[in-house]
N, C-alpha and C. Protein backbone atom coordinates (compact mmCIF):
# COMPACT_ATOMS: atom_id res chain seq x y z
N MET A 1 -58.06 -18.19 77.38
CA MET A 1 -58.04 -16.76 77.14
C MET A 1 -59.42 -16.33 76.62
N ASN A 2 -59.99 -15.32 77.24
CA ASN A 2 -61.28 -14.85 76.77
C ASN A 2 -61.12 -13.96 75.54
N PHE A 3 -62.23 -13.64 74.89
CA PHE A 3 -62.21 -12.85 73.66
C PHE A 3 -61.52 -11.51 73.84
N PHE A 4 -61.82 -10.80 74.93
CA PHE A 4 -61.25 -9.47 75.18
C PHE A 4 -59.73 -9.55 75.32
N THR A 5 -59.23 -10.53 76.02
CA THR A 5 -57.78 -10.70 76.20
C THR A 5 -57.11 -11.01 74.86
N LYS A 6 -57.74 -11.85 74.06
CA LYS A 6 -57.19 -12.17 72.73
C LYS A 6 -57.16 -10.92 71.85
N LEU A 7 -58.22 -10.12 71.92
CA LEU A 7 -58.28 -8.90 71.12
C LEU A 7 -57.16 -7.94 71.49
N ILE A 8 -56.90 -7.77 72.77
CA ILE A 8 -55.80 -6.90 73.24
C ILE A 8 -54.46 -7.45 72.76
N ALA A 9 -54.25 -8.75 72.88
CA ALA A 9 -52.98 -9.36 72.46
C ALA A 9 -52.75 -9.16 70.96
N ILE A 10 -53.79 -9.35 70.16
CA ILE A 10 -53.66 -9.16 68.71
C ILE A 10 -53.38 -7.70 68.39
N SER A 11 -54.05 -6.78 69.06
CA SER A 11 -53.83 -5.34 68.84
C SER A 11 -52.41 -4.95 69.17
N LEU A 12 -51.89 -5.42 70.29
CA LEU A 12 -50.51 -5.11 70.67
C LEU A 12 -49.52 -5.67 69.65
N PHE A 13 -49.79 -6.86 69.16
CA PHE A 13 -48.92 -7.45 68.15
C PHE A 13 -48.91 -6.61 66.88
N LEU A 14 -50.08 -6.19 66.42
CA LEU A 14 -50.16 -5.39 65.19
C LEU A 14 -49.46 -4.06 65.35
N VAL A 15 -49.59 -3.40 66.50
CA VAL A 15 -48.91 -2.12 66.74
C VAL A 15 -47.40 -2.32 66.73
N SER A 16 -46.92 -3.42 67.31
CA SER A 16 -45.48 -3.66 67.35
C SER A 16 -44.92 -3.96 65.96
N CYS A 17 -45.77 -4.38 65.02
CA CYS A 17 -45.31 -4.67 63.66
C CYS A 17 -45.27 -3.44 62.76
N GLU A 18 -45.79 -2.31 63.24
CA GLU A 18 -45.84 -1.11 62.41
C GLU A 18 -44.42 -0.65 62.07
N ASN A 19 -44.25 -0.19 60.84
CA ASN A 19 -42.95 0.30 60.40
C ASN A 19 -42.56 1.55 61.16
N VAL A 20 -41.35 1.59 61.69
CA VAL A 20 -40.78 2.79 62.30
C VAL A 20 -39.32 2.83 61.86
N VAL A 21 -38.92 3.94 61.21
CA VAL A 21 -37.54 4.08 60.76
C VAL A 21 -37.01 5.45 61.14
N ASN A 22 -35.71 5.55 61.10
CA ASN A 22 -35.00 6.81 61.25
C ASN A 22 -34.89 7.42 59.85
N MET A 23 -34.97 8.73 59.73
CA MET A 23 -34.84 9.37 58.41
C MET A 23 -33.53 8.97 57.72
N GLU A 24 -32.50 8.71 58.51
CA GLU A 24 -31.22 8.33 57.91
C GLU A 24 -31.27 6.95 57.26
N ASP A 25 -32.35 6.18 57.55
CA ASP A 25 -32.53 4.88 56.92
C ASP A 25 -33.29 4.98 55.59
N LEU A 26 -33.66 6.20 55.23
CA LEU A 26 -34.40 6.43 53.99
C LEU A 26 -33.56 7.20 53.00
N GLU A 27 -33.88 7.06 51.73
CA GLU A 27 -33.24 7.86 50.70
C GLU A 27 -34.32 8.46 49.81
N GLU A 28 -34.03 9.65 49.31
CA GLU A 28 -34.99 10.38 48.49
C GLU A 28 -34.65 10.23 47.01
N LYS A 29 -35.65 9.88 46.24
CA LYS A 29 -35.51 9.79 44.78
C LYS A 29 -36.72 10.50 44.18
N ASN A 30 -36.47 11.59 43.46
CA ASN A 30 -37.55 12.34 42.81
C ASN A 30 -38.67 12.73 43.79
N SER A 31 -38.27 13.25 44.95
CA SER A 31 -39.19 13.73 45.99
C SER A 31 -40.01 12.63 46.67
N ILE A 32 -39.60 11.38 46.51
CA ILE A 32 -40.26 10.24 47.17
C ILE A 32 -39.20 9.55 48.02
N TYR A 33 -39.58 9.18 49.26
CA TYR A 33 -38.65 8.50 50.16
C TYR A 33 -38.85 6.99 50.11
N TYR A 34 -37.71 6.27 50.08
CA TYR A 34 -37.67 4.82 50.05
C TYR A 34 -36.73 4.36 51.16
N LYS A 35 -37.00 3.17 51.71
CA LYS A 35 -35.99 2.56 52.57
C LYS A 35 -34.79 2.30 51.68
N LYS A 36 -33.59 2.49 52.24
CA LYS A 36 -32.40 2.22 51.44
C LYS A 36 -32.44 0.80 50.91
N SER A 37 -32.04 0.61 49.68
CA SER A 37 -32.03 -0.68 48.97
C SER A 37 -33.43 -1.21 48.69
N SER A 38 -34.42 -0.31 48.57
CA SER A 38 -35.78 -0.73 48.24
C SER A 38 -36.30 0.13 47.10
N ASN A 39 -37.19 -0.42 46.33
CA ASN A 39 -37.82 0.36 45.27
C ASN A 39 -39.30 0.61 45.57
N ILE A 40 -39.72 0.35 46.82
CA ILE A 40 -41.10 0.57 47.24
C ILE A 40 -41.14 1.82 48.10
N PRO A 41 -41.98 2.82 47.76
CA PRO A 41 -42.08 4.03 48.59
C PRO A 41 -42.42 3.66 50.03
N TYR A 42 -41.75 4.32 50.97
CA TYR A 42 -41.91 4.01 52.39
C TYR A 42 -43.24 4.53 52.93
N SER A 43 -43.93 3.70 53.70
CA SER A 43 -45.11 4.10 54.46
C SER A 43 -44.91 3.63 55.89
N GLY A 44 -45.03 4.55 56.83
CA GLY A 44 -44.87 4.20 58.23
C GLY A 44 -44.37 5.38 59.02
N LYS A 45 -44.04 5.13 60.28
CA LYS A 45 -43.58 6.19 61.17
C LYS A 45 -42.10 6.49 60.95
N VAL A 46 -41.75 7.74 61.20
CA VAL A 46 -40.36 8.19 61.19
C VAL A 46 -40.07 8.72 62.59
N ASP A 47 -39.00 8.23 63.19
CA ASP A 47 -38.68 8.62 64.56
C ASP A 47 -37.18 8.51 64.74
N GLY A 48 -36.49 9.66 64.79
CA GLY A 48 -35.06 9.63 64.99
C GLY A 48 -34.38 10.86 64.44
N ILE A 49 -33.08 10.82 64.37
CA ILE A 49 -32.27 11.95 63.95
C ILE A 49 -32.37 12.13 62.44
N SER A 50 -32.60 13.38 62.03
CA SER A 50 -32.64 13.75 60.62
C SER A 50 -31.87 15.05 60.45
N PHE A 51 -30.75 14.99 59.78
CA PHE A 51 -29.90 16.16 59.57
C PHE A 51 -29.57 16.85 60.90
N GLY A 52 -29.29 16.05 61.93
CA GLY A 52 -28.89 16.57 63.23
C GLY A 52 -30.03 17.01 64.12
N ILE A 53 -31.28 16.82 63.68
CA ILE A 53 -32.45 17.23 64.47
C ILE A 53 -33.32 16.00 64.71
N TYR A 54 -33.76 15.82 65.96
CA TYR A 54 -34.66 14.71 66.27
C TYR A 54 -36.02 14.99 65.62
N THR A 55 -36.54 14.00 64.89
CA THR A 55 -37.73 14.17 64.06
C THR A 55 -38.74 13.06 64.34
N LYS A 56 -40.03 13.43 64.38
CA LYS A 56 -41.11 12.44 64.52
C LYS A 56 -42.23 12.80 63.56
N GLY A 57 -42.68 11.82 62.80
CA GLY A 57 -43.79 12.02 61.88
C GLY A 57 -44.13 10.71 61.20
N LYS A 58 -44.87 10.80 60.10
CA LYS A 58 -45.18 9.59 59.34
C LYS A 58 -45.15 9.89 57.85
N MET A 59 -44.96 8.83 57.09
CA MET A 59 -44.97 8.93 55.63
C MET A 59 -45.99 7.96 55.07
N ILE A 60 -46.60 8.40 53.99
CA ILE A 60 -47.52 7.53 53.24
C ILE A 60 -47.07 7.56 51.79
N ASN A 61 -46.80 6.39 51.25
CA ASN A 61 -46.33 6.26 49.87
C ASN A 61 -45.12 7.15 49.58
N GLY A 62 -44.20 7.22 50.55
CA GLY A 62 -42.95 7.94 50.34
C GLY A 62 -43.01 9.44 50.55
N LYS A 63 -44.15 9.96 51.03
CA LYS A 63 -44.28 11.40 51.24
C LYS A 63 -44.71 11.68 52.68
N ALA A 64 -44.14 12.76 53.25
CA ALA A 64 -44.51 13.16 54.60
C ALA A 64 -46.00 13.49 54.64
N GLU A 65 -46.64 13.06 55.73
CA GLU A 65 -48.08 13.25 55.85
C GLU A 65 -48.44 13.49 57.31
N GLY A 66 -49.37 14.42 57.54
CA GLY A 66 -49.84 14.67 58.90
C GLY A 66 -48.89 15.53 59.70
N GLU A 67 -49.06 15.47 61.02
CA GLU A 67 -48.29 16.33 61.92
C GLU A 67 -46.87 15.79 62.13
N TRP A 68 -45.90 16.69 62.03
CA TRP A 68 -44.48 16.37 62.25
C TRP A 68 -43.93 17.26 63.35
N PHE A 69 -43.02 16.68 64.14
CA PHE A 69 -42.36 17.38 65.24
C PHE A 69 -40.86 17.33 65.03
N PHE A 70 -40.18 18.45 65.28
CA PHE A 70 -38.73 18.56 65.18
C PHE A 70 -38.24 19.16 66.49
N TYR A 71 -37.16 18.58 67.05
CA TYR A 71 -36.69 18.98 68.37
C TYR A 71 -35.24 19.45 68.35
N HIS A 72 -34.94 20.45 69.20
CA HIS A 72 -33.56 20.89 69.42
C HIS A 72 -32.78 19.79 70.15
N ASN A 73 -31.44 19.89 70.17
CA ASN A 73 -30.59 18.91 70.86
C ASN A 73 -30.94 18.79 72.34
N ASN A 74 -31.45 19.86 72.95
CA ASN A 74 -31.78 19.83 74.38
C ASN A 74 -33.14 19.21 74.66
N GLY A 75 -33.85 18.76 73.62
CA GLY A 75 -35.14 18.11 73.78
C GLY A 75 -36.33 19.03 73.63
N ASN A 76 -36.09 20.34 73.63
CA ASN A 76 -37.20 21.29 73.43
C ASN A 76 -37.64 21.29 71.97
N LEU A 77 -38.91 21.59 71.78
CA LEU A 77 -39.49 21.64 70.44
C LEU A 77 -38.83 22.73 69.60
N ASP A 78 -38.44 22.39 68.39
CA ASP A 78 -37.87 23.33 67.43
C ASP A 78 -38.97 23.88 66.53
N ARG A 79 -39.79 22.97 65.98
CA ARG A 79 -40.91 23.38 65.14
C ARG A 79 -41.89 22.22 65.04
N VAL A 80 -43.12 22.58 64.72
CA VAL A 80 -44.16 21.58 64.52
C VAL A 80 -45.11 22.09 63.45
N GLY A 81 -45.56 21.18 62.60
CA GLY A 81 -46.48 21.56 61.55
C GLY A 81 -46.97 20.33 60.80
N ASN A 82 -47.80 20.57 59.82
CA ASN A 82 -48.41 19.49 59.05
C ASN A 82 -47.89 19.42 57.62
N PHE A 83 -47.86 18.20 57.13
CA PHE A 83 -47.57 17.94 55.72
C PHE A 83 -48.82 17.35 55.09
N ALA A 84 -49.05 17.66 53.84
CA ALA A 84 -50.09 17.04 53.03
C ALA A 84 -49.44 16.65 51.70
N ASN A 85 -49.41 15.36 51.43
CA ASN A 85 -48.82 14.85 50.19
C ASN A 85 -47.38 15.32 50.00
N GLY A 86 -46.63 15.35 51.12
CA GLY A 86 -45.21 15.70 51.07
C GLY A 86 -44.90 17.18 51.09
N GLN A 87 -45.91 18.03 51.20
CA GLN A 87 -45.69 19.48 51.20
C GLN A 87 -46.18 20.09 52.51
N GLN A 88 -45.42 21.09 52.99
CA GLN A 88 -45.86 21.79 54.18
C GLN A 88 -47.22 22.43 53.91
N ASN A 89 -48.11 22.32 54.90
CA ASN A 89 -49.45 22.84 54.72
C ASN A 89 -49.99 23.34 56.06
N GLY A 90 -50.60 24.51 56.05
CA GLY A 90 -51.17 25.06 57.27
C GLY A 90 -50.14 25.82 58.09
N GLU A 91 -50.42 25.95 59.39
CA GLU A 91 -49.55 26.72 60.29
C GLU A 91 -48.40 25.87 60.81
N TRP A 92 -47.21 26.46 60.75
CA TRP A 92 -46.00 25.85 61.31
C TRP A 92 -45.50 26.79 62.41
N TYR A 93 -45.24 26.21 63.58
CA TYR A 93 -44.81 26.99 64.75
C TYR A 93 -43.33 26.72 64.99
N PHE A 94 -42.55 27.80 65.17
CA PHE A 94 -41.11 27.72 65.37
C PHE A 94 -40.75 28.24 66.76
N TYR A 95 -39.80 27.53 67.41
CA TYR A 95 -39.40 27.86 68.78
C TYR A 95 -37.88 27.92 68.89
N ASP A 96 -37.38 28.74 69.82
CA ASP A 96 -35.94 28.75 70.07
C ASP A 96 -35.59 27.61 71.03
N LYS A 97 -34.30 27.48 71.36
CA LYS A 97 -33.83 26.37 72.21
C LYS A 97 -34.40 26.43 73.63
N ASN A 98 -34.93 27.59 74.02
CA ASN A 98 -35.53 27.74 75.35
C ASN A 98 -37.05 27.62 75.31
N ALA A 99 -37.58 27.13 74.20
CA ALA A 99 -39.01 26.89 74.00
C ALA A 99 -39.83 28.17 73.84
N LYS A 100 -39.17 29.27 73.52
CA LYS A 100 -39.89 30.52 73.27
C LYS A 100 -40.39 30.51 71.82
N HIS A 101 -41.68 30.83 71.66
CA HIS A 101 -42.28 30.85 70.33
C HIS A 101 -41.70 32.03 69.55
N LEU A 102 -41.05 31.74 68.44
CA LEU A 102 -40.40 32.78 67.62
C LEU A 102 -41.30 33.32 66.52
N LYS A 103 -41.95 32.39 65.81
CA LYS A 103 -42.76 32.82 64.67
C LYS A 103 -43.71 31.70 64.27
N THR A 104 -44.68 32.06 63.47
CA THR A 104 -45.59 31.12 62.84
C THR A 104 -45.51 31.37 61.34
N GLU A 105 -45.31 30.31 60.59
CA GLU A 105 -45.34 30.41 59.13
C GLU A 105 -46.55 29.65 58.62
N ILE A 106 -47.20 30.21 57.62
CA ILE A 106 -48.39 29.59 57.06
C ILE A 106 -48.09 29.16 55.62
N PHE A 107 -48.36 27.89 55.35
CA PHE A 107 -48.08 27.31 54.04
C PHE A 107 -49.36 26.83 53.39
N LYS A 108 -49.39 26.91 52.08
CA LYS A 108 -50.47 26.31 51.30
C LYS A 108 -49.82 25.52 50.17
N ASN A 109 -50.01 24.20 50.20
CA ASN A 109 -49.42 23.32 49.18
C ASN A 109 -47.92 23.54 49.01
N GLY A 110 -47.21 23.69 50.13
CA GLY A 110 -45.77 23.83 50.10
C GLY A 110 -45.26 25.23 49.85
N ILE A 111 -46.15 26.19 49.68
CA ILE A 111 -45.74 27.58 49.40
C ILE A 111 -46.00 28.43 50.65
N LEU A 112 -44.97 29.13 51.09
CA LEU A 112 -45.10 30.03 52.24
C LEU A 112 -45.96 31.22 51.84
N THR A 113 -47.08 31.40 52.57
CA THR A 113 -48.01 32.49 52.23
C THR A 113 -47.98 33.63 53.25
N ASP A 114 -47.49 33.35 54.48
CA ASP A 114 -47.46 34.40 55.50
C ASP A 114 -46.53 34.00 56.62
N THR A 115 -45.92 35.00 57.25
CA THR A 115 -45.09 34.80 58.43
C THR A 115 -45.53 35.77 59.50
N ILE A 116 -45.77 35.24 60.69
CA ILE A 116 -46.14 36.06 61.83
C ILE A 116 -45.03 35.95 62.86
N ASN A 117 -44.25 37.03 63.04
CA ASN A 117 -43.15 37.02 64.00
C ASN A 117 -43.66 37.35 65.40
N LYS A 118 -43.11 36.70 66.39
CA LYS A 118 -43.45 36.97 67.78
C LYS A 118 -42.31 37.81 68.37
N ASN A 119 -42.65 38.93 68.97
CA ASN A 119 -41.60 39.78 69.55
C ASN A 119 -41.56 39.68 71.03
């Protein structure tokens, strides 16, 4: 095996080892998420059903971080936005079940500062 092939194999192995859980596999304690039966804050990807909505995002040290996607039962996007240190931050876009953009909400450190409705 040449160096390039070994590098690809190692990279694929490391990606396959990355944590990926369903939100239902986590529990919240004092605004921090842990894998059930663990006392270590969860870090890794979240991909699966959360409160009846398909959810994709990541957590760092038990808090939502970066871009998160939420989908309607029909597979269309419900909303998308960013988290910073577990709080909604920046623009969040909301869509109906037919993928029509309904509104944009703007957050700063988890506080809603503006709503722009689409008519």
